[in-house]
Amino acid sequence: MRYILYETDNKTVFLGKEINYIKNYIELQKLRLNNIENIFINIHGETRNKYMEPLLLISFIENAFKYGTDYKGVAYVKIKITITDAILDF
């Protein structure tokens, strides 16, 4: 919540902070779900001195948990982020 309130009012944010927010969101979802064995996140590349627009990726991740979870709380979510030079592959 703190990230959304205080960090995202700028046009861009550090990529590392955005990825940290995503990781925290995933950990929160893992607490909510019954079976977390099929939740994967892979991040490759350097985030230092890279910027992006805030909260750009979180909608996709929220939808992955919404539609990747069945009524019993079993989820299958695979997230892969690769950073190379000025390219972010999500």
C-alpha atoms as a PDB file:
ATOM      1  CA  MET A   1       0.000   0.000   0.000  1.00  0.00           C
ATOM      2  CA  ARG A   2       2.854   2.356   0.844  1.00  0.00           C
ATOM      3  CA  TYR A   3       4.346   1.852  -2.609  1.00  0.00           C
ATOM      4  CA  ILE A   4       1.085   2.783  -4.336  1.00  0.00           C
ATOM      5  CA  LEU A   5       0.522   5.861  -2.170  1.00  0.00           C
ATOM      6  CA  TYR A   6       3.992   7.361  -2.044  1.00  0.00           C
ATOM      7  CA  GLU A   7       6.107   5.983  -4.865  1.00  0.00           C
ATOM      8  CA  THR A   8       3.843   5.977  -7.918  1.00  0.00           C
ATOM      9  CA  ASP A   9       3.013   9.669  -8.143  1.00  0.00           C
ATOM     10  CA  ASN A  10       5.982  10.211 -10.487  1.00  0.00           C
ATOM     11  CA  LYS A  11       5.872   9.518 -14.196  1.00  0.00           C
ATOM     12  CA  THR A  12       8.514   6.796 -13.822  1.00  0.00           C
ATOM     13  CA  VAL A  13       9.817   4.617 -10.977  1.00  0.00           C
ATOM     14  CA  PHE A  14      12.882   2.449 -10.533  1.00  0.00           C
ATOM     15  CA  LEU A  15      12.384  -0.932 -12.172  1.00  0.00           C
ATOM     16  CA  GLY A  16      13.751  -2.598  -9.048  1.00  0.00           C
ATOM     17  CA  LYS A  17      11.030  -1.044  -6.881  1.00  0.00           C
ATOM     18  CA  GLU A  18       8.335  -2.123  -9.325  1.00  0.00           C
ATOM     19  CA  ILE A  19       9.625  -5.697  -9.328  1.00  0.00           C
ATOM     20  CA  ASN A  20       9.825  -5.670  -5.536  1.00  0.00           C
ATOM     21  CA  TYR A  21       6.161  -4.590  -5.423  1.00  0.00           C
ATOM     22  CA  ILE A  22       5.275  -7.486  -7.738  1.00  0.00           C
ATOM     23  CA  LYS A  23       7.174  -9.964  -5.540  1.00  0.00           C
ATOM     24  CA  ASN A  24       5.374  -8.677  -2.439  1.00  0.00           C
ATOM     25  CA  TYR A  25       2.017  -9.029  -4.198  1.00  0.00           C
ATOM     26  CA  ILE A  26       2.839 -12.631  -5.131  1.00  0.00           C
ATOM     27  CA  GLU A  27       3.841 -13.454  -1.550  1.00  0.00           C
ATOM     28  CA  LEU A  28       0.537 -11.998  -0.333  1.00  0.00           C
ATOM     29  CA  GLN A  29      -1.368 -14.174  -2.805  1.00  0.00           C
ATOM     30  CA  LYS A  30       0.543 -17.245  -1.625  1.00  0.00           C
ATOM     31  CA  LEU A  31      -0.734 -16.620   1.903  1.00  0.00           C
ATOM     32  CA  ARG A  32      -4.305 -16.551   0.599  1.00  0.00           C
ATOM     33  CA  LEU A  33      -4.181 -19.702  -1.540  1.00  0.00           C
ATOM     34  CA  ASN A  34      -4.304 -23.359  -0.531  1.00  0.00           C
ATOM     35  CA  ASN A  35      -1.864 -24.843  -3.034  1.00  0.00           C
ATOM     36  CA  ILE A  36       1.096 -22.690  -4.077  1.00  0.00           C
ATOM     37  CA  GLU A  37       3.313 -25.359  -5.635  1.00  0.00           C
ATOM     38  CA  ASN A  38       2.581 -24.113  -9.162  1.00  0.00           C
ATOM     39  CA  ILE A  39       3.359 -20.429  -8.646  1.00  0.00           C
ATOM     40  CA  PHE A  40       6.633 -19.455 -10.295  1.00  0.00           C
ATOM     41  CA  ILE A  41       8.412 -16.135 -10.829  1.00  0.00           C
ATOM     42  CA  ASN A  42      11.680 -15.891 -12.730  1.00  0.00           C
ATOM     43  CA  ILE A  43      13.475 -12.578 -13.084  1.00  0.00           C
ATOM     44  CA  HIS A  44      16.632 -12.310 -15.158  1.00  0.00           C
ATOM     45  CA  GLY A  45      18.720  -9.253 -15.930  1.00  0.00           C
ATOM     46  CA  GLU A  46      19.907  -6.076 -14.297  1.00  0.00           C
ATOM     47  CA  THR A  47      17.377  -3.638 -12.813  1.00  0.00           C
ATOM     48  CA  ARG A  48      19.864  -1.032 -11.608  1.00  0.00           C
ATOM     49  CA  ASN A  49      19.433   2.446 -13.150  1.00  0.00           C
ATOM     50  CA  LYS A  50      16.398   1.371 -15.181  1.00  0.00           C
ATOM     51  CA  TYR A  51      13.003   3.057 -15.023  1.00  0.00           C
ATOM     52  CA  MET A  52       9.461   2.243 -16.084  1.00  0.00           C
ATOM     53  CA  GLU A  53       5.954   3.607 -15.674  1.00  0.00           C
ATOM     54  CA  PRO A  54       4.512   2.659 -12.283  1.00  0.00           C
ATOM     55  CA  LEU A  55       1.963  -0.152 -11.886  1.00  0.00           C
ATOM     56  CA  LEU A  56       2.163  -1.105 -15.554  1.00  0.00           C
ATOM     57  CA  LEU A  57       2.554  -4.858 -14.996  1.00  0.00           C
ATOM     58  CA  ILE A  58       0.479  -5.456 -11.862  1.00  0.00           C
ATOM     59  CA  SER A  59      -2.841  -5.673 -13.746  1.00  0.00           C
ATOM     60  CA  PHE A  60      -1.556  -8.658 -15.726  1.00  0.00           C
ATOM     61  CA  ILE A  61      -0.360 -10.368 -12.552  1.00  0.00           C
ATOM     62  CA  GLU A  62      -3.654  -9.722 -10.761  1.00  0.00           C
ATOM     63  CA  ASN A  63      -5.495 -11.291 -13.714  1.00  0.00           C
ATOM     64  CA  ALA A  64      -3.131 -14.261 -13.690  1.00  0.00           C
ATOM     65  CA  PHE A  65      -4.103 -14.970 -10.090  1.00  0.00           C
ATOM     66  CA  LYS A  66      -7.783 -14.269 -10.711  1.00  0.00           C
ATOM     67  CA  TYR A  67      -8.101 -16.575 -13.718  1.00  0.00           C
ATOM     68  CA  GLY A  68      -5.281 -18.983 -12.844  1.00  0.00           C
ATOM     69  CA  THR A  69      -6.885 -20.077  -9.548  1.00  0.00           C
ATOM     70  CA  ASP A  70      -9.720 -22.568  -9.273  1.00  0.00           C
ATOM     71  CA  TYR A  71     -12.542 -22.579  -6.723  1.00  0.00           C
ATOM     72  CA  LYS A  72     -10.487 -24.780  -4.369  1.00  0.00           C
ATOM     73  CA  GLY A  73      -7.645 -22.260  -4.142  1.00  0.00           C
ATOM     74  CA  VAL A  74      -5.248 -24.172  -6.377  1.00  0.00           C
ATOM     75  CA  ALA A  75      -3.274 -21.813  -8.607  1.00  0.00           C
ATOM     76  CA  TYR A  76      -1.047 -22.164 -11.632  1.00  0.00           C
ATOM     77  CA  VAL A  77       0.811 -18.931 -12.360  1.00  0.00           C
ATOM     78  CA  LYS A  78       4.122 -18.608 -14.163  1.00  0.00           C
ATOM     79  CA  ILE A  79       5.711 -15.158 -14.460  1.00  0.00           C
ATOM     80  CA  LYS A  80       8.929 -14.542 -16.354  1.00  0.00           C
ATOM     81  CA  ILE A  81      10.602 -11.136 -16.577  1.00  0.00           C
ATOM     82  CA  THR A  82      13.780 -10.701 -18.612  1.00  0.00           C
ATOM     83  CA  ILE A  83      15.629  -7.398 -18.704  1.00  0.00           C
ATOM     84  CA  THR A  84      18.220  -6.807 -21.430  1.00  0.00           C
ATOM     85  CA  ASP A  85      19.590  -3.340 -22.153  1.00  0.00           C
ATOM     86  CA  ALA A  86      16.474  -1.198 -22.734  1.00  0.00           C
ATOM     87  CA  ILE A  87      14.060  -4.122 -23.255  1.00  0.00           C
ATOM     88  CA  LEU A  88      11.773  -5.674 -20.675  1.00  0.00           C
ATOM     89  CA  ASP A  89      10.264  -8.982 -21.773  1.00  0.00           C
ATOM     90  CA  PHE A  90       7.264  -9.936 -19.626  1.00  0.00           C
END
